[in-house]
Amino acid sequence: MKKSLLFTYGFLILLTLSTALISNASKISSLLVLLIIGFSIAKFLLVAFQFMELKKANPFWKFSLSLFLGLFFLAIFLLK
């Protein structure tokens, strides 16, 4: 297996464990919610670019994914 895939797996596990630890905090603030959403977006981008081969895709799809994630994060940020 390639080293980049192993690095990505490790980083995904680290982000997942971090999210689980943060979500078990006694006080959940809006900053922690945004941090969890940020971790989720990072995991989504890692999976999309590394395992779904989006890094080799047309620039339109890269831009469209980035635009969607930006709007999603903005909507959550404004609603919180």
PDB file of N, CA and C in Angstrom:
ATOM      1  N   MET A   1       0.852  -1.179   0.000  1.00  0.00           N
ATOM      2  CA  MET A   1       0.000   0.000   0.000  1.00  0.00           C
ATOM      3  C   MET A   1       0.898   1.243   0.000  1.00  0.00           C
ATOM      4  N   LYS A   2       0.466   2.259  -0.690  1.00  0.00           N
ATOM      5  CA  LYS A   2       1.254   3.482  -0.779  1.00  0.00           C
ATOM      6  C   LYS A   2       1.328   4.181   0.574  1.00  0.00           C
ATOM      7  N   LYS A   3       2.426   4.905   0.767  1.00  0.00           N
ATOM      8  CA  LYS A   3       2.583   5.655   2.021  1.00  0.00           C
ATOM      9  C   LYS A   3       1.535   6.762   2.147  1.00  0.00           C
ATOM     10  N   SER A   4       1.164   7.359   1.026  1.00  0.00           N
ATOM     11  CA  SER A   4       0.176   8.441   1.091  1.00  0.00           C
ATOM     12  C   SER A   4      -1.183   7.921   1.561  1.00  0.00           C
ATOM     13  N   LEU A   5      -1.533   6.696   1.153  1.00  0.00           N
ATOM     14  CA  LEU A   5      -2.791   6.117   1.607  1.00  0.00           C
ATOM     15  C   LEU A   5      -2.749   5.816   3.100  1.00  0.00           C
ATOM     16  N   LEU A   6      -1.619   5.292   3.562  1.00  0.00           N
ATOM     17  CA  LEU A   6      -1.474   5.013   4.994  1.00  0.00           C
ATOM     18  C   LEU A   6      -1.512   6.302   5.808  1.00  0.00           C
ATOM     19  N   PHE A   7      -0.881   7.337   5.302  1.00  0.00           N
ATOM     20  CA  PHE A   7      -0.915   8.635   5.977  1.00  0.00           C
ATOM     21  C   PHE A   7      -2.346   9.163   6.046  1.00  0.00           C
ATOM     22  N   THR A   8      -3.072   9.011   4.948  1.00  0.00           N
ATOM     23  CA  THR A   8      -4.459   9.481   4.914  1.00  0.00           C
ATOM     24  C   THR A   8      -5.324   8.683   5.884  1.00  0.00           C
ATOM     25  N   TYR A   9      -5.163   7.356   5.904  1.00  0.00           N
ATOM     26  CA  TYR A   9      -5.910   6.534   6.865  1.00  0.00           C
ATOM     27  C   TYR A   9      -5.629   6.976   8.294  1.00  0.00           C
ATOM     28  N   GLY A  10      -4.359   7.165   8.603  1.00  0.00           N
ATOM     29  CA  GLY A  10      -3.978   7.587   9.952  1.00  0.00           C
ATOM     30  C   GLY A  10      -4.566   8.940  10.317  1.00  0.00           C
ATOM     31  N   PHE A  11      -4.531   9.859   9.374  1.00  0.00           N
ATOM     32  CA  PHE A  11      -5.067  11.196   9.640  1.00  0.00           C
ATOM     33  C   PHE A  11      -6.583  11.164   9.796  1.00  0.00           C
ATOM     34  N   LEU A  12      -7.258  10.322   9.007  1.00  0.00           N
ATOM     35  CA  LEU A  12      -8.706  10.174   9.153  1.00  0.00           C
ATOM     36  C   LEU A  12      -9.067   9.591  10.521  1.00  0.00           C
ATOM     37  N   ILE A  13      -8.288   8.620  10.974  1.00  0.00           N
ATOM     38  CA  ILE A  13      -8.534   8.043  12.298  1.00  0.00           C
ATOM     39  C   ILE A  13      -8.283   9.081  13.378  1.00  0.00           C
ATOM     40  N   LEU A  14      -7.227   9.864  13.228  1.00  0.00           N
ATOM     41  CA  LEU A  14      -6.927  10.918  14.199  1.00  0.00           C
ATOM     42  C   LEU A  14      -8.048  11.959  14.251  1.00  0.00           C
ATOM     43  N   LEU A  15      -8.538  12.373  13.105  1.00  0.00           N
ATOM     44  CA  LEU A  15      -9.643  13.334  13.065  1.00  0.00           C
ATOM     45  C   LEU A  15     -10.919  12.751  13.674  1.00  0.00           C
ATOM     46  N   THR A  16     -11.175  11.474  13.419  1.00  0.00           N
ATOM     47  CA  THR A  16     -12.364  10.835  13.984  1.00  0.00           C
ATOM     48  C   THR A  16     -12.274  10.737  15.498  1.00  0.00           C
ATOM     49  N   LEU A  17     -11.121  10.346  16.006  1.00  0.00           N
ATOM     50  CA  LEU A  17     -10.941  10.279  17.458  1.00  0.00           C
ATOM     51  C   LEU A  17     -11.034  11.658  18.092  1.00  0.00           C
ATOM     52  N   SER A  18     -10.482  12.655  17.434  1.00  0.00           N
ATOM     53  CA  SER A  18     -10.568  14.025  17.948  1.00  0.00           C
ATOM     54  C   SER A  18     -12.019  14.490  18.007  1.00  0.00           C
ATOM     55  N   THR A  19     -12.775  14.169  16.971  1.00  0.00           N
ATOM     56  CA  THR A  19     -14.188  14.542  16.959  1.00  0.00           C
ATOM     57  C   THR A  19     -14.945  13.850  18.087  1.00  0.00           C
ATOM     58  N   ALA A  20     -14.649  12.579  18.313  1.00  0.00           N
ATOM     59  CA  ALA A  20     -15.323  11.837  19.378  1.00  0.00           C
ATOM     60  C   ALA A  20     -14.977  12.418  20.746  1.00  0.00           C
ATOM     61  N   LEU A  21     -13.731  12.778  20.959  1.00  0.00           N
ATOM     62  CA  LEU A  21     -13.329  13.354  22.245  1.00  0.00           C
ATOM     63  C   LEU A  21     -13.954  14.728  22.466  1.00  0.00           C
ATOM     64  N   ILE A  22     -14.001  15.525  21.417  1.00  0.00           N
ATOM     65  CA  ILE A  22     -14.582  16.863  21.539  1.00  0.00           C
ATOM     66  C   ILE A  22     -16.082  16.771  21.801  1.00  0.00           C
ATOM     67  N   SER A  23     -16.753  15.815  21.142  1.00  0.00           N
ATOM     68  CA  SER A  23     -18.201  15.712  21.300  1.00  0.00           C
ATOM     69  C   SER A  23     -18.592  15.233  22.694  1.00  0.00           C
ATOM     70  N   ASN A  24     -17.681  14.601  23.408  1.00  0.00           N
ATOM     71  CA  ASN A  24     -17.968  14.142  24.765  1.00  0.00           C
ATOM     72  C   ASN A  24     -17.639  15.191  25.825  1.00  0.00           C
ATOM     73  N   ALA A  25     -17.328  16.388  25.408  1.00  0.00           N
ATOM     74  CA  ALA A  25     -17.030  17.464  26.363  1.00  0.00           C
ATOM     75  C   ALA A  25     -18.291  17.793  27.148  1.00  0.00           C
ATOM     76  N   SER A  26     -18.089  18.204  28.402  1.00  0.00           N
ATOM     77  CA  SER A  26     -19.245  18.484  29.258  1.00  0.00           C
ATOM     78  C   SER A  26     -20.013  19.722  28.790  1.00  0.00           C
ATOM     79  N   LYS A  27     -19.312  20.703  28.291  1.00  0.00           N
ATOM     80  CA  LYS A  27     -19.970  21.909  27.771  1.00  0.00           C
ATOM     81  C   LYS A  27     -19.698  22.002  26.276  1.00  0.00           C
ATOM     82  N   ILE A  28     -20.761  21.991  25.521  1.00  0.00           N
ATOM     83  CA  ILE A  28     -20.634  22.130  24.072  1.00  0.00           C
ATOM     84  C   ILE A  28     -20.936  23.580  23.711  1.00  0.00           C
ATOM     85  N   SER A  29     -19.929  24.275  23.226  1.00  0.00           N
ATOM     86  CA  SER A  29     -20.116  25.663  22.820  1.00  0.00           C
ATOM     87  C   SER A  29     -20.221  25.730  21.301  1.00  0.00           C
ATOM     88  N   SER A  30     -20.549  26.892  20.808  1.00  0.00           N
ATOM     89  CA  SER A  30     -20.665  27.045  19.356  1.00  0.00           C
ATOM     90  C   SER A  30     -19.301  26.908  18.685  1.00  0.00           C
ATOM     91  N   LEU A  31     -18.240  27.257  19.402  1.00  0.00           N
ATOM     92  CA  LEU A  31     -16.900  27.087  18.848  1.00  0.00           C
ATOM     93  C   LEU A  31     -16.572  25.606  18.662  1.00  0.00           C
ATOM     94  N   LEU A  32     -16.973  24.772  19.612  1.00  0.00           N
ATOM     95  CA  LEU A  32     -16.725  23.340  19.482  1.00  0.00           C
ATOM     96  C   LEU A  32     -17.545  22.738  18.346  1.00  0.00           C
ATOM     97  N   VAL A  33     -18.750  23.234  18.164  1.00  0.00           N
ATOM     98  CA  VAL A  33     -19.580  22.748  17.059  1.00  0.00           C
ATOM     99  C   VAL A  33     -18.920  23.093  15.726  1.00  0.00           C
ATOM    100  N   LEU A  34     -18.412  24.300  15.606  1.00  0.00           N
ATOM    101  CA  LEU A  34     -17.731  24.699  14.371  1.00  0.00           C
ATOM    102  C   LEU A  34     -16.441  23.905  14.167  1.00  0.00           C
ATOM    103  N   LEU A  35     -15.764  23.568  15.255  1.00  0.00           N
ATOM    104  CA  LEU A  35     -14.551  22.750  15.153  1.00  0.00           C
ATOM    105  C   LEU A  35     -14.892  21.344  14.661  1.00  0.00           C
ATOM    106  N   ILE A  36     -15.963  20.786  15.177  1.00  0.00           N
ATOM    107  CA  ILE A  36     -16.393  19.457  14.727  1.00  0.00           C
ATOM    108  C   ILE A  36     -16.790  19.497  13.255  1.00  0.00           C
ATOM    109  N   ILE A  37     -17.494  20.531  12.839  1.00  0.00           N
ATOM    110  CA  ILE A  37     -17.863  20.660  11.431  1.00  0.00           C
ATOM    111  C   ILE A  37     -16.613  20.841  10.567  1.00  0.00           C
ATOM    112  N   GLY A  38     -15.640  21.595  11.065  1.00  0.00           N
ATOM    113  CA  GLY A  38     -14.382  21.751  10.338  1.00  0.00           C
ATOM    114  C   GLY A  38     -13.651  20.427  10.167  1.00  0.00           C
ATOM    115  N   PHE A  39     -13.638  19.603  11.226  1.00  0.00           N
ATOM    116  CA  PHE A  39     -13.036  18.274  11.121  1.00  0.00           C
ATOM    117  C   PHE A  39     -13.785  17.418  10.107  1.00  0.00           C
ATOM    118  N   SER A  40     -15.098  17.530  10.093  1.00  0.00           N
ATOM    119  CA  SER A  40     -15.901  16.750   9.150  1.00  0.00           C
ATOM    120  C   SER A  40     -15.623  17.169   7.714  1.00  0.00           C
ATOM    121  N   ILE A  41     -15.484  18.457   7.490  1.00  0.00           N
ATOM    122  CA  ILE A  41     -15.156  18.944   6.150  1.00  0.00           C
ATOM    123  C   ILE A  41     -13.775  18.466   5.729  1.00  0.00           C
ATOM    124  N   ALA A  42     -12.819  18.491   6.654  1.00  0.00           N
ATOM    125  CA  ALA A  42     -11.470  18.009   6.348  1.00  0.00           C
ATOM    126  C   ALA A  42     -11.497  16.522   5.988  1.00  0.00           C
ATOM    127  N   LYS A  43     -12.270  15.737   6.736  1.00  0.00           N
ATOM    128  CA  LYS A  43     -12.378  14.307   6.428  1.00  0.00           C
ATOM    129  C   LYS A  43     -13.036  14.095   5.072  1.00  0.00           C
ATOM    130  N   PHE A  44     -14.068  14.873   4.773  1.00  0.00           N
ATOM    131  CA  PHE A  44     -14.739  14.756   3.484  1.00  0.00           C
ATOM    132  C   PHE A  44     -13.775  15.072   2.342  1.00  0.00           C
ATOM    133  N   LEU A  45     -12.983  16.125   2.496  1.00  0.00           N
ATOM    134  CA  LEU A  45     -12.026  16.484   1.447  1.00  0.00           C
ATOM    135  C   LEU A  45     -10.948  15.429   1.275  1.00  0.00           C
ATOM    136  N   LEU A  46     -10.472  14.873   2.392  1.00  0.00           N
ATOM    137  CA  LEU A  46      -9.466  13.810   2.301  1.00  0.00           C
ATOM    138  C   LEU A  46     -10.002  12.602   1.546  1.00  0.00           C
ATOM    139  N   VAL A  47     -11.211  12.193   1.877  1.00  0.00           N
ATOM    140  CA  VAL A  47     -11.804  11.033   1.193  1.00  0.00           C
ATOM    141  C   VAL A  47     -12.061  11.354  -0.271  1.00  0.00           C
ATOM    142  N   ALA A  48     -12.587  12.524  -0.554  1.00  0.00           N
ATOM    143  CA  ALA A  48     -12.918  12.880  -1.939  1.00  0.00           C
ATOM    144  C   ALA A  48     -11.674  12.961  -2.812  1.00  0.00           C
ATOM    145  N   PHE A  49     -10.641  13.598  -2.328  1.00  0.00           N
ATOM    146  CA  PHE A  49      -9.458  13.787  -3.170  1.00  0.00           C
ATOM    147  C   PHE A  49      -8.557  12.560  -3.201  1.00  0.00           C
ATOM    148  N   GLN A  50      -8.462  11.824  -2.112  1.00  0.00           N
ATOM    149  CA  GLN A  50      -7.540  10.702  -2.057  1.00  0.00           C
ATOM    150  C   GLN A  50      -8.167   9.415  -2.594  1.00  0.00           C
ATOM    151  N   PHE A  51      -9.363   9.092  -2.139  1.00  0.00           N
ATOM    152  CA  PHE A  51      -9.937   7.794  -2.469  1.00  0.00           C
ATOM    153  C   PHE A  51     -10.915   7.827  -3.630  1.00  0.00           C
ATOM    154  N   MET A  52     -11.511   8.968  -3.906  1.00  0.00           N
ATOM    155  CA  MET A  52     -12.439   9.074  -5.030  1.00  0.00           C
ATOM    156  C   MET A  52     -11.745   9.651  -6.262  1.00  0.00           C
ATOM    157  N   GLU A  53     -10.430   9.825  -6.174  1.00  0.00           N
ATOM    158  CA  GLU A  53      -9.615  10.298  -7.298  1.00  0.00           C
ATOM    159  C   GLU A  53     -10.073  11.645  -7.840  1.00  0.00           C
ATOM    160  N   LEU A  54     -10.575  12.509  -6.969  1.00  0.00           N
ATOM    161  CA  LEU A  54     -11.025  13.816  -7.416  1.00  0.00           C
ATOM    162  C   LEU A  54      -9.846  14.710  -7.804  1.00  0.00           C
ATOM    163  N   LYS A  55      -8.658  14.387  -7.310  1.00  0.00           N
ATOM    164  CA  LYS A  55      -7.493  15.206  -7.662  1.00  0.00           C
ATOM    165  C   LYS A  55      -7.162  15.105  -9.153  1.00  0.00           C
ATOM    166  N   LYS A  56      -7.667  14.068  -9.813  1.00  0.00           N
ATOM    167  CA  LYS A  56      -7.443  13.912 -11.252  1.00  0.00           C
ATOM    168  C   LYS A  56      -8.642  14.370 -12.075  1.00  0.00           C
ATOM    169  N   ALA A  57      -9.645  14.888 -11.424  1.00  0.00           N
ATOM    170  CA  ALA A  57     -10.886  15.263 -12.115  1.00  0.00           C
ATOM    171  C   ALA A  57     -10.770  16.638 -12.767  1.00  0.00           C
ATOM    172  N   ASN A  58     -11.781  16.963 -13.519  1.00  0.00           N
ATOM    173  CA  ASN A  58     -11.900  18.257 -14.167  1.00  0.00           C
ATOM    174  C   ASN A  58     -11.940  19.355 -13.095  1.00  0.00           C
ATOM    175  N   PRO A  59     -11.318  20.510 -13.334  1.00  0.00           N
ATOM    176  CA  PRO A  59     -11.349  21.607 -12.347  1.00  0.00           C
ATOM    177  C   PRO A  59     -12.760  22.068 -11.968  1.00  0.00           C
ATOM    178  N   PHE A  60     -13.731  21.872 -12.866  1.00  0.00           N
ATOM    179  CA  PHE A  60     -15.102  22.233 -12.539  1.00  0.00           C
ATOM    180  C   PHE A  60     -15.586  21.481 -11.306  1.00  0.00           C
ATOM    181  N   TRP A  61     -15.281  20.186 -11.219  1.00  0.00           N
ATOM    182  CA  TRP A  61     -15.740  19.378 -10.096  1.00  0.00           C
ATOM    183  C   TRP A  61     -15.033  19.771  -8.807  1.00  0.00           C
ATOM    184  N   LYS A  62     -13.781  20.123  -8.909  1.00  0.00           N
ATOM    185  CA  LYS A  62     -13.047  20.586  -7.720  1.00  0.00           C
ATOM    186  C   LYS A  62     -13.647  21.897  -7.209  1.00  0.00           C
ATOM    187  N   PHE A  63     -13.916  22.813  -8.133  1.00  0.00           N
ATOM    188  CA  PHE A  63     -14.507  24.095  -7.755  1.00  0.00           C
ATOM    189  C   PHE A  63     -15.909  23.906  -7.196  1.00  0.00           C
ATOM    190  N   SER A  64     -16.678  23.041  -7.835  1.00  0.00           N
ATOM    191  CA  SER A  64     -18.047  22.811  -7.388  1.00  0.00           C
ATOM    192  C   SER A  64     -18.076  22.191  -5.987  1.00  0.00           C
ATOM    193  N   LEU A  65     -17.176  21.279  -5.703  1.00  0.00           N
ATOM    194  CA  LEU A  65     -17.095  20.686  -4.369  1.00  0.00           C
ATOM    195  C   LEU A  65     -16.684  21.726  -3.334  1.00  0.00           C
ATOM    196  N   SER A  66     -15.706  22.539  -3.666  1.00  0.00           N
ATOM    197  CA  SER A  66     -15.253  23.585  -2.749  1.00  0.00           C
ATOM    198  C   SER A  66     -16.358  24.613  -2.494  1.00  0.00           C
ATOM    199  N   LEU A  67     -17.074  24.973  -3.530  1.00  0.00           N
ATOM    200  CA  LEU A  67     -18.174  25.925  -3.383  1.00  0.00           C
ATOM    201  C   LEU A  67     -19.274  25.351  -2.493  1.00  0.00           C
ATOM    202  N   PHE A  68     -19.631  24.091  -2.702  1.00  0.00           N
ATOM    203  CA  PHE A  68     -20.645  23.448  -1.885  1.00  0.00           C
ATOM    204  C   PHE A  68     -20.226  23.406  -0.416  1.00  0.00           C
ATOM    205  N   LEU A  69     -18.998  23.000  -0.159  1.00  0.00           N
ATOM    206  CA  LEU A  69     -18.531  22.929   1.223  1.00  0.00           C
ATOM    207  C   LEU A  69     -18.463  24.304   1.870  1.00  0.00           C
ATOM    208  N   GLY A  70     -18.048  25.300   1.103  1.00  0.00           N
ATOM    209  CA  GLY A  70     -18.014  26.656   1.638  1.00  0.00           C
ATOM    210  C   GLY A  70     -19.403  27.159   1.995  1.00  0.00           C
ATOM    211  N   LEU A  71     -20.362  26.921   1.114  1.00  0.00           N
ATOM    212  CA  LEU A  71     -21.738  27.343   1.391  1.00  0.00           C
ATOM    213  C   LEU A  71     -22.342  26.563   2.559  1.00  0.00           C
ATOM    214  N   PHE A  72     -22.016  25.281   2.654  1.00  0.00           N
ATOM    215  CA  PHE A  72     -22.499  24.459   3.755  1.00  0.00           C
ATOM    216  C   PHE A  72     -21.957  24.977   5.087  1.00  0.00           C
ATOM    217  N   PHE A  73     -20.659  25.248   5.142  1.00  0.00           N
ATOM    218  CA  PHE A  73     -20.054  25.753   6.371  1.00  0.00           C
ATOM    219  C   PHE A  73     -20.610  27.129   6.718  1.00  0.00           C
ATOM    220  N   LEU A  74     -20.788  27.970   5.721  1.00  0.00           N
ATOM    221  CA  LEU A  74     -21.343  29.312   5.950  1.00  0.00           C
ATOM    222  C   LEU A  74     -22.770  29.237   6.484  1.00  0.00           C
ATOM    223  N   ALA A  75     -23.580  28.335   5.921  1.00  0.00           N
ATOM    224  CA  ALA A  75     -24.954  28.179   6.389  1.00  0.00           C
ATOM    225  C   ALA A  75     -24.992  27.709   7.837  1.00  0.00           C
ATOM    226  N   ILE A  76     -24.157  26.745   8.184  1.00  0.00           N
ATOM    227  CA  ILE A  76     -24.114  26.254   9.561  1.00  0.00           C
ATOM    228  C   ILE A  76     -23.613  27.353  10.492  1.00  0.00           C
ATOM    229  N   PHE A  77     -22.610  28.091  10.053  1.00  0.00           N
ATOM    230  CA  PHE A  77     -22.045  29.166  10.860  1.00  0.00           C
ATOM    231  C   PHE A  77     -23.086  30.257  11.132  1.00  0.00           C
ATOM    232  N   LEU A  78     -23.849  30.615  10.115  1.00  0.00           N
ATOM    233  CA  LEU A  78     -24.849  31.663  10.277  1.00  0.00           C
ATOM    234  C   LEU A  78     -26.051  31.203  11.099  1.00  0.00           C
ATOM    235  N   LEU A  79     -26.379  29.917  11.019  1.00  0.00           N
ATOM    236  CA  LEU A  79     -27.507  29.402  11.795  1.00  0.00           C
ATOM    237  C   LEU A  79     -27.147  29.170  13.259  1.00  0.00           C
ATOM    238  N   LYS A  80     -25.893  28.997  13.540  1.00  0.00           N
ATOM    239  CA  LYS A  80     -25.463  28.729  14.914  1.00  0.00           C
ATOM    240  C   LYS A  80     -25.338  29.996  15.621  1.00  0.00           C
TER     241      LYS A  80
END
